[in-house]
Amino acid sequence: MPVFYIINQSGLLKQYYSVKNALSHVNEMDPVIYSVSLRNAKTFLSYDEANQIIVSRKLFGCFIINENGIQQNG
Protein backbone atom coordinates (compact mmCIF):
# COMPACT_ATOMS: atom_id res chain seq x y z
CA MET A 1 0.00 0.00 0.00
CA PRO A 2 1.56 3.32 -1.02
CA VAL A 3 2.18 6.07 1.50
CA PHE A 4 2.44 9.78 0.70
CA TYR A 5 3.96 12.71 2.59
CA ILE A 6 3.66 16.47 2.25
CA ILE A 7 7.06 18.10 2.42
CA ASN A 8 8.49 21.58 2.43
CA GLN A 9 12.08 21.88 1.28
CA SER A 10 14.37 24.81 1.95
CA GLY A 11 17.75 24.20 0.37
CA LEU A 12 18.89 20.76 1.50
CA LEU A 13 16.61 20.70 4.55
CA LYS A 14 13.51 18.58 4.00
CA GLN A 15 10.64 19.17 6.42
CA TYR A 16 7.62 16.87 6.69
CA TYR A 17 4.06 18.02 7.36
CA SER A 18 3.31 16.87 10.88
CA VAL A 19 0.81 17.13 13.70
CA LYS A 20 1.38 17.67 17.42
CA ASN A 21 -0.53 14.56 18.43
CA ALA A 22 -1.20 11.85 15.86
CA LEU A 23 -4.37 10.86 17.75
CA SER A 24 -5.92 14.32 17.60
CA HIS A 25 -7.86 15.62 14.65
CA VAL A 26 -6.23 18.56 12.91
CA ASN A 27 -8.71 21.34 12.34
CA GLU A 28 -8.46 24.51 10.30
CA MET A 29 -7.44 26.65 13.29
CA ASP A 30 -4.36 24.58 14.25
CA PRO A 31 -1.04 26.05 13.12
CA VAL A 32 0.82 24.26 10.35
CA ILE A 33 3.60 22.17 11.83
CA TYR A 34 6.60 20.76 9.99
CA SER A 35 9.13 18.30 11.39
CA VAL A 36 12.58 17.36 10.15
CA SER A 37 11.94 13.83 11.47
CA LEU A 38 10.17 11.32 9.26
CA ARG A 39 8.97 9.65 12.47
CA ASN A 40 6.73 12.66 13.21
CA ALA A 41 5.45 12.99 9.64
CA LYS A 42 1.75 12.69 8.88
CA THR A 43 1.15 9.92 6.34
CA PHE A 44 -1.56 9.90 3.70
CA LEU A 45 -2.96 6.85 1.93
CA SER A 46 -3.51 8.61 -1.38
CA TYR A 47 -2.20 11.52 -3.41
CA ASP A 48 -5.70 13.03 -3.41
CA GLU A 49 -5.91 12.96 0.40
CA ALA A 50 -2.57 14.78 0.72
CA ASN A 51 -3.51 17.25 -2.01
CA GLN A 52 -6.80 18.01 -0.25
CA ILE A 53 -4.84 19.07 2.87
CA ILE A 54 -2.61 21.34 0.77
CA VAL A 55 -5.64 23.02 -0.79
CA SER A 56 -7.80 23.27 2.33
CA ARG A 57 -4.97 24.54 4.57
CA LYS A 58 -3.63 26.81 1.79
CA LEU A 59 -0.09 25.45 2.15
CA PHE A 60 2.50 27.14 -0.05
CA GLY A 61 5.93 25.94 -1.15
CA CYS A 62 5.26 22.30 -0.48
CA PHE A 63 4.82 19.18 -2.56
CA ILE A 64 3.87 15.52 -2.21
CA ILE A 65 6.32 12.61 -2.25
CA ASN A 66 5.76 8.87 -2.03
CA GLU A 67 7.45 6.43 0.38
CA ASN A 68 10.46 6.23 -1.97
CA GLY A 69 11.00 10.01 -1.89
CA ILE A 70 9.82 10.52 -5.48
CA GLN A 71 7.82 13.67 -6.11
CA GLN A 72 4.25 12.98 -7.17
CA ASN A 73 2.14 14.96 -9.62
CA GLY A 74 -1.61 14.34 -9.57
PDB file of N, CA and C in Angstrom:
ATOM      1  N   MET A   1       0.850  -1.173   0.000  1.00  0.00           N
ATOM      2  CA  MET A   1       0.000   0.000   0.000  1.00  0.00           C
ATOM      3  C   MET A   1       0.898   1.238   0.000  1.00  0.00           C
ATOM      4  N   PRO A   2       0.713   2.133  -0.958  1.00  0.00           N
ATOM      5  CA  PRO A   2       1.558   3.320  -1.023  1.00  0.00           C
ATOM      6  C   PRO A   2       1.264   4.303   0.111  1.00  0.00           C
ATOM      7  N   VAL A   3       2.288   5.047   0.475  1.00  0.00           N
ATOM      8  CA  VAL A   3       2.180   6.072   1.505  1.00  0.00           C
ATOM      9  C   VAL A   3       2.713   7.371   0.906  1.00  0.00           C
ATOM     10  N   PHE A   4       2.053   8.469   1.233  1.00  0.00           N
ATOM     11  CA  PHE A   4       2.439   9.780   0.703  1.00  0.00           C
ATOM     12  C   PHE A   4       2.705  10.737   1.853  1.00  0.00           C
ATOM     13  N   TYR A   5       3.604  11.689   1.607  1.00  0.00           N
ATOM     14  CA  TYR A   5       3.962  12.708   2.586  1.00  0.00           C
ATOM     15  C   TYR A   5       3.893  14.075   1.922  1.00  0.00           C
ATOM     16  N   ILE A   6       3.566  15.089   2.714  1.00  0.00           N
ATOM     17  CA  ILE A   6       3.659  16.470   2.252  1.00  0.00           C
ATOM     18  C   ILE A   6       4.973  17.001   2.812  1.00  0.00           C
ATOM     19  N   ILE A   7       5.800  17.560   1.936  1.00  0.00           N
ATOM     20  CA  ILE A   7       7.061  18.100   2.422  1.00  0.00           C
ATOM     21  C   ILE A   7       7.249  19.536   1.969  1.00  0.00           C
ATOM     22  N   ASN A   8       8.080  20.218   2.722  1.00  0.00           N
ATOM     23  CA  ASN A   8       8.486  21.583   2.432  1.00  0.00           C
ATOM     24  C   ASN A   8      10.004  21.535   2.426  1.00  0.00           C
ATOM     25  N   GLN A   9      10.629  21.982   1.363  1.00  0.00           N
ATOM     26  CA  GLN A   9      12.075  21.881   1.279  1.00  0.00           C
ATOM     27  C   GLN A   9      12.709  23.254   1.106  1.00  0.00           C
ATOM     28  N   SER A  10      13.625  23.555   1.996  1.00  0.00           N
ATOM     29  CA  SER A  10      14.366  24.806   1.950  1.00  0.00           C
ATOM     30  C   SER A  10      15.838  24.446   1.806  1.00  0.00           C
ATOM     31  N   GLY A  11      16.372  24.621   0.620  1.00  0.00           N
ATOM     32  CA  GLY A  11      17.748  24.198   0.369  1.00  0.00           C
ATOM     33  C   GLY A  11      17.843  22.692   0.477  1.00  0.00           C
ATOM     34  N   LEU A  12      18.734  22.201   1.313  1.00  0.00           N
ATOM     35  CA  LEU A  12      18.889  20.760   1.499  1.00  0.00           C
ATOM     36  C   LEU A  12      18.020  20.223   2.629  1.00  0.00           C
ATOM     37  N   LEU A  13      17.425  21.112   3.414  1.00  0.00           N
ATOM     38  CA  LEU A  13      16.613  20.696   4.552  1.00  0.00           C
ATOM     39  C   LEU A  13      15.202  20.336   4.103  1.00  0.00           C
ATOM     40  N   LYS A  14      14.838  19.077   4.347  1.00  0.00           N
ATOM     41  CA  LYS A  14      13.511  18.583   3.996  1.00  0.00           C
ATOM     42  C   LYS A  14      12.681  18.525   5.278  1.00  0.00           C
ATOM     43  N   GLN A  15      11.522  19.168   5.264  1.00  0.00           N
ATOM     44  CA  GLN A  15      10.637  19.168   6.422  1.00  0.00           C
ATOM     45  C   GLN A  15       9.328  18.499   6.051  1.00  0.00           C
ATOM     46  N   TYR A  16       8.846  17.637   6.921  1.00  0.00           N
ATOM     47  CA  TYR A  16       7.623  16.874   6.687  1.00  0.00           C
ATOM     48  C   TYR A  16       6.441  17.501   7.410  1.00  0.00           C
ATOM     49  N   TYR A  17       5.302  17.551   6.733  1.00  0.00           N
ATOM     50  CA  TYR A  17       4.058  18.017   7.357  1.00  0.00           C
ATOM     51  C   TYR A  17       3.762  17.090   8.520  1.00  0.00           C
ATOM     52  N   SER A  18       3.460  17.651   9.667  1.00  0.00           N
ATOM     53  CA  SER A  18       3.307  16.866  10.881  1.00  0.00           C
ATOM     54  C   SER A  18       2.118  17.380  11.680  1.00  0.00           C
ATOM     55  N   VAL A  19       1.828  16.693  12.749  1.00  0.00           N
ATOM     56  CA  VAL A  19       0.808  17.131  13.703  1.00  0.00           C
ATOM     57  C   VAL A  19       1.382  16.963  15.101  1.00  0.00           C
ATOM     58  N   LYS A  20       0.884  17.761  16.041  1.00  0.00           N
ATOM     59  CA  LYS A  20       1.376  17.669  17.422  1.00  0.00           C
ATOM     60  C   LYS A  20       1.104  16.296  18.012  1.00  0.00           C
ATOM     61  N   ASN A  21      -0.112  15.832  17.850  1.00  0.00           N
ATOM     62  CA  ASN A  21      -0.529  14.562  18.427  1.00  0.00           C
ATOM     63  C   ASN A  21      -1.222  13.778  17.330  1.00  0.00           C
ATOM     64  N   ALA A  22      -0.657  12.642  16.956  1.00  0.00           N
ATOM     65  CA  ALA A  22      -1.204  11.847  15.855  1.00  0.00           C
ATOM     66  C   ALA A  22      -2.627  11.375  16.139  1.00  0.00           C
ATOM     67  N   LEU A  23      -3.027  11.327  17.411  1.00  0.00           N
ATOM     68  CA  LEU A  23      -4.367  10.857  17.754  1.00  0.00           C
ATOM     69  C   LEU A  23      -5.411  11.967  17.687  1.00  0.00           C
ATOM     70  N   SER A  24      -4.959  13.214  17.648  1.00  0.00           N
ATOM     71  CA  SER A  24      -5.916  14.316  17.603  1.00  0.00           C
ATOM     72  C   SER A  24      -6.267  14.653  16.159  1.00  0.00           C
ATOM     73  N   HIS A  25      -7.413  15.209  15.987  1.00  0.00           N
ATOM     74  CA  HIS A  25      -7.864  15.618  14.653  1.00  0.00           C
ATOM     75  C   HIS A  25      -7.367  17.034  14.387  1.00  0.00           C
ATOM     76  N   VAL A  26      -6.730  17.231  13.259  1.00  0.00           N
ATOM     77  CA  VAL A  26      -6.229  18.563  12.915  1.00  0.00           C
ATOM     78  C   VAL A  26      -7.380  19.365  12.321  1.00  0.00           C
ATOM     79  N   ASN A  27      -7.656  20.512  12.909  1.00  0.00           N
ATOM     80  CA  ASN A  27      -8.710  21.343  12.343  1.00  0.00           C
ATOM     81  C   ASN A  27      -8.098  22.575  11.696  1.00  0.00           C
ATOM     82  N   GLU A  28      -8.916  23.355  11.069  1.00  0.00           N
ATOM     83  CA  GLU A  28      -8.455  24.509  10.302  1.00  0.00           C
ATOM     84  C   GLU A  28      -7.738  25.557  11.158  1.00  0.00           C
ATOM     85  N   MET A  29      -8.009  25.610  12.442  1.00  0.00           N
ATOM     86  CA  MET A  29      -7.441  26.646  13.288  1.00  0.00           C
ATOM     87  C   MET A  29      -6.055  26.272  13.827  1.00  0.00           C
ATOM     88  N   ASP A  30      -5.667  25.001  13.760  1.00  0.00           N
ATOM     89  CA  ASP A  30      -4.361  24.584  14.252  1.00  0.00           C
ATOM     90  C   ASP A  30      -3.269  25.150  13.363  1.00  0.00           C
ATOM     91  N   PRO A  31      -2.139  25.551  13.947  1.00  0.00           N
ATOM     92  CA  PRO A  31      -1.038  26.046  13.124  1.00  0.00           C
ATOM     93  C   PRO A  31      -0.433  24.908  12.301  1.00  0.00           C
ATOM     94  N   VAL A  32       0.156  25.252  11.178  1.00  0.00           N
ATOM     95  CA  VAL A  32       0.817  24.259  10.346  1.00  0.00           C
ATOM     96  C   VAL A  32       2.142  23.907  11.004  1.00  0.00           C
ATOM     97  N   ILE A  33       2.398  22.630  11.159  1.00  0.00           N
ATOM     98  CA  ILE A  33       3.600  22.166  11.834  1.00  0.00           C
ATOM     99  C   ILE A  33       4.402  21.305  10.877  1.00  0.00           C
ATOM    100  N   TYR A  34       5.694  21.584  10.782  1.00  0.00           N
ATOM    101  CA  TYR A  34       6.603  20.761   9.988  1.00  0.00           C
ATOM    102  C   TYR A  34       7.655  20.182  10.913  1.00  0.00           C
ATOM    103  N   SER A  35       8.113  18.979  10.602  1.00  0.00           N
ATOM    104  CA  SER A  35       9.131  18.304  11.393  1.00  0.00           C
ATOM    105  C   SER A  35      10.244  17.832  10.474  1.00  0.00           C
ATOM    106  N   VAL A  36      11.476  17.880  10.941  1.00  0.00           N
ATOM    107  CA  VAL A  36      12.582  17.359  10.148  1.00  0.00           C
ATOM    108  C   VAL A  36      12.688  15.847  10.304  1.00  0.00           C
ATOM    109  N   SER A  37      11.921  15.273  11.218  1.00  0.00           N
ATOM    110  CA  SER A  37      11.945  13.834  11.470  1.00  0.00           C
ATOM    111  C   SER A  37      10.814  13.132  10.728  1.00  0.00           C
ATOM    112  N   LEU A  38      11.178  12.123   9.963  1.00  0.00           N
ATOM    113  CA  LEU A  38      10.173  11.322   9.257  1.00  0.00           C
ATOM    114  C   LEU A  38       9.256  10.620  10.253  1.00  0.00           C
ATOM    115  N   ARG A  39       9.757  10.330  11.426  1.00  0.00           N
ATOM    116  CA  ARG A  39       8.975   9.654  12.465  1.00  0.00           C
ATOM    117  C   ARG A  39       7.738  10.458  12.859  1.00  0.00           C
ATOM    118  N   ASN A  40       7.846  11.787  12.820  1.00  0.00           N
ATOM    119  CA  ASN A  40       6.734  12.655  13.205  1.00  0.00           C
ATOM    120  C   ASN A  40       5.859  13.064  12.025  1.00  0.00           C
ATOM    121  N   ALA A  41       6.186  12.593  10.843  1.00  0.00           N
ATOM    122  CA  ALA A  41       5.454  12.991   9.643  1.00  0.00           C
ATOM    123  C   ALA A  41       4.057  12.388   9.613  1.00  0.00           C
ATOM    124  N   LYS A  42       3.128  13.167   9.104  1.00  0.00           N
ATOM    125  CA  LYS A  42       1.754  12.687   8.881  1.00  0.00           C
ATOM    126  C   LYS A  42       1.742  11.930   7.566  1.00  0.00           C
ATOM    127  N   THR A  43       1.223  10.716   7.564  1.00  0.00           N
ATOM    128  CA  THR A  43       1.150   9.922   6.340  1.00  0.00           C
ATOM    129  C   THR A  43      -0.246  10.003   5.745  1.00  0.00           C
ATOM    130  N   PHE A  44      -0.300   9.883   4.436  1.00  0.00           N
ATOM    131  CA  PHE A  44      -1.560   9.900   3.698  1.00  0.00           C
ATOM    132  C   PHE A  44      -1.620   8.654   2.833  1.00  0.00           C
ATOM    133  N   LEU A  45      -2.799   8.092   2.688  1.00  0.00           N
ATOM    134  CA  LEU A  45      -2.960   6.852   1.933  1.00  0.00           C
ATOM    135  C   LEU A  45      -3.132   7.070   0.440  1.00  0.00           C
ATOM    136  N   SER A  46      -3.370   8.324   0.042  1.00  0.00           N
ATOM    137  CA  SER A  46      -3.512   8.609  -1.384  1.00  0.00           C
ATOM    138  C   SER A  46      -2.989  10.005  -1.689  1.00  0.00           C
ATOM    139  N   TYR A  47      -2.633  10.205  -2.945  1.00  0.00           N
ATOM    140  CA  TYR A  47      -2.197  11.519  -3.406  1.00  0.00           C
ATOM    141  C   TYR A  47      -3.327  12.525  -3.197  1.00  0.00           C
ATOM    142  N   ASP A  48      -4.550  12.131  -3.520  1.00  0.00           N
ATOM    143  CA  ASP A  48      -5.702  13.034  -3.408  1.00  0.00           C
ATOM    144  C   ASP A  48      -5.931  13.493  -1.972  1.00  0.00           C
ATOM    145  N   GLU A  49      -5.744  12.600  -1.013  1.00  0.00           N
ATOM    146  CA  GLU A  49      -5.915  12.957   0.396  1.00  0.00           C
ATOM    147  C   GLU A  49      -4.873  14.007   0.811  1.00  0.00           C
ATOM    148  N   ALA A  50      -3.625  13.816   0.407  1.00  0.00           N
ATOM    149  CA  ALA A  50      -2.570  14.777   0.721  1.00  0.00           C
ATOM    150  C   ALA A  50      -2.830  16.105   0.010  1.00  0.00           C
ATOM    151  N   ASN A  51      -3.237  16.033  -1.237  1.00  0.00           N
ATOM    152  CA  ASN A  51      -3.508  17.250  -2.006  1.00  0.00           C
ATOM    153  C   ASN A  51      -4.675  18.037  -1.404  1.00  0.00           C
ATOM    154  N   GLN A  52      -5.652  17.347  -0.873  1.00  0.00           N
ATOM    155  CA  GLN A  52      -6.795  18.014  -0.246  1.00  0.00           C
ATOM    156  C   GLN A  52      -6.340  18.837   0.971  1.00  0.00           C
ATOM    157  N   ILE A  53      -5.377  18.325   1.728  1.00  0.00           N
ATOM    158  CA  ILE A  53      -4.835  19.069   2.873  1.00  0.00           C
ATOM    159  C   ILE A  53      -4.116  20.324   2.388  1.00  0.00           C
ATOM    160  N   ILE A  54      -3.323  20.189   1.320  1.00  0.00           N
ATOM    161  CA  ILE A  54      -2.605  21.338   0.769  1.00  0.00           C
ATOM    162  C   ILE A  54      -3.580  22.431   0.353  1.00  0.00           C
ATOM    163  N   VAL A  55      -4.649  22.049  -0.314  1.00  0.00           N
ATOM    164  CA  VAL A  55      -5.635  23.018  -0.792  1.00  0.00           C
ATOM    165  C   VAL A  55      -6.430  23.615   0.369  1.00  0.00           C
ATOM    166  N   SER A  56      -6.935  22.773   1.257  1.00  0.00           N
ATOM    167  CA  SER A  56      -7.796  23.267   2.334  1.00  0.00           C
ATOM    168  C   SER A  56      -7.034  24.113   3.351  1.00  0.00           C
ATOM    169  N   ARG A  57      -5.773  23.778   3.612  1.00  0.00           N
ATOM    170  CA  ARG A  57      -4.973  24.535   4.574  1.00  0.00           C
ATOM    171  C   ARG A  57      -4.197  25.677   3.911  1.00  0.00           C
ATOM    172  N   LYS A  58      -4.314  25.770   2.570  1.00  0.00           N
ATOM    173  CA  LYS A  58      -3.626  26.813   1.787  1.00  0.00           C
ATOM    174  C   LYS A  58      -2.127  26.799   2.054  1.00  0.00           C
ATOM    175  N   LEU A  59      -1.528  25.611   1.937  1.00  0.00           N
ATOM    176  CA  LEU A  59      -0.089  25.452   2.154  1.00  0.00           C
ATOM    177  C   LEU A  59       0.656  25.882   0.901  1.00  0.00           C
ATOM    178  N   PHE A  60       1.710  26.650   1.072  1.00  0.00           N
ATOM    179  CA  PHE A  60       2.503  27.139  -0.046  1.00  0.00           C
ATOM    180  C   PHE A  60       3.916  26.575   0.040  1.00  0.00           C
ATOM    181  N   GLY A  61       4.541  26.388  -1.114  1.00  0.00           N
ATOM    182  CA  GLY A  61       5.928  25.943  -1.149  1.00  0.00           C
ATOM    183  C   GLY A  61       6.134  24.517  -0.728  1.00  0.00           C
ATOM    184  N   CYS A  62       5.112  23.691  -0.863  1.00  0.00           N
ATOM    185  CA  CYS A  62       5.256  22.297  -0.475  1.00  0.00           C
ATOM    186  C   CYS A  62       4.833  21.403  -1.630  1.00  0.00           C
ATOM    187  N   PHE A  63       5.213  20.136  -1.548  1.00  0.00           N
ATOM    188  CA  PHE A  63       4.815  19.180  -2.563  1.00  0.00           C
ATOM    189  C   PHE A  63       4.672  17.803  -1.937  1.00  0.00           C
ATOM    190  N   ILE A  64       4.185  16.856  -2.705  1.00  0.00           N
ATOM    191  CA  ILE A  64       3.874  15.516  -2.213  1.00  0.00           C
ATOM    192  C   ILE A  64       4.909  14.532  -2.748  1.00  0.00           C
ATOM    193  N   ILE A  65       5.402  13.676  -1.844  1.00  0.00           N
ATOM    194  CA  ILE A  65       6.316  12.610  -2.249  1.00  0.00           C
ATOM    195  C   ILE A  65       5.727  11.268  -1.814  1.00  0.00           C
ATOM    196  N   ASN A  66       6.188  10.195  -2.461  1.00  0.00           N
ATOM    197  CA  ASN A  66       5.764   8.868  -2.032  1.00  0.00           C
ATOM    198  C   ASN A  66       6.775   8.298  -1.049  1.00  0.00           C
ATOM    199  N   GLU A  67       6.580   7.041  -0.625  1.00  0.00           N
ATOM    200  CA  GLU A  67       7.445   6.433   0.381  1.00  0.00           C
ATOM    201  C   GLU A  67       8.881   6.255  -0.102  1.00  0.00           C
ATOM    202  N   ASN A  68       9.105   6.351  -1.403  1.00  0.00           N
ATOM    203  CA  ASN A  68      10.459   6.233  -1.969  1.00  0.00           C
ATOM    204  C   ASN A  68      11.118   7.595  -2.157  1.00  0.00           C
ATOM    205  N   GLY A  69      10.439   8.668  -1.768  1.00  0.00           N
ATOM    206  CA  GLY A  69      11.003  10.007  -1.894  1.00  0.00           C
ATOM    207  C   GLY A  69      10.854  10.620  -3.266  1.00  0.00           C
ATOM    208  N   ILE A  70      10.023  10.023  -4.119  1.00  0.00           N
ATOM    209  CA  ILE A  70       9.824  10.522  -5.477  1.00  0.00           C
ATOM    210  C   ILE A  70       8.638  11.488  -5.483  1.00  0.00           C
ATOM    211  N   GLN A  71       8.870  12.668  -6.047  1.00  0.00           N
ATOM    212  CA  GLN A  71       7.824  13.674  -6.108  1.00  0.00           C
ATOM    213  C   GLN A  71       6.667  13.188  -6.972  1.00  0.00           C
ATOM    214  N   GLN A  72       5.451  13.416  -6.495  1.00  0.00           N
ATOM    215  CA  GLN A  72       4.245  12.978  -7.167  1.00  0.00           C
ATOM    216  C   GLN A  72       3.508  14.161  -7.785  1.00  0.00           C
ATOM    217  N   ASN A  73       2.952  13.947  -8.939  1.00  0.00           N
ATOM    218  CA  ASN A  73       2.141  14.956  -9.619  1.00  0.00           C
ATOM    219  C   ASN A  73       0.812  14.322  -9.997  1.00  0.00           C
ATOM    220  N   GLY A  74      -0.249  14.795  -9.344  1.00  0.00           N
ATOM    221  CA  GLY A  74      -1.606  14.340  -9.574  1.00  0.00           C
ATOM    222  C   GLY A  74      -1.713  13.289 -10.538  1.00  0.00           C
TER     223      GLY A  74
END
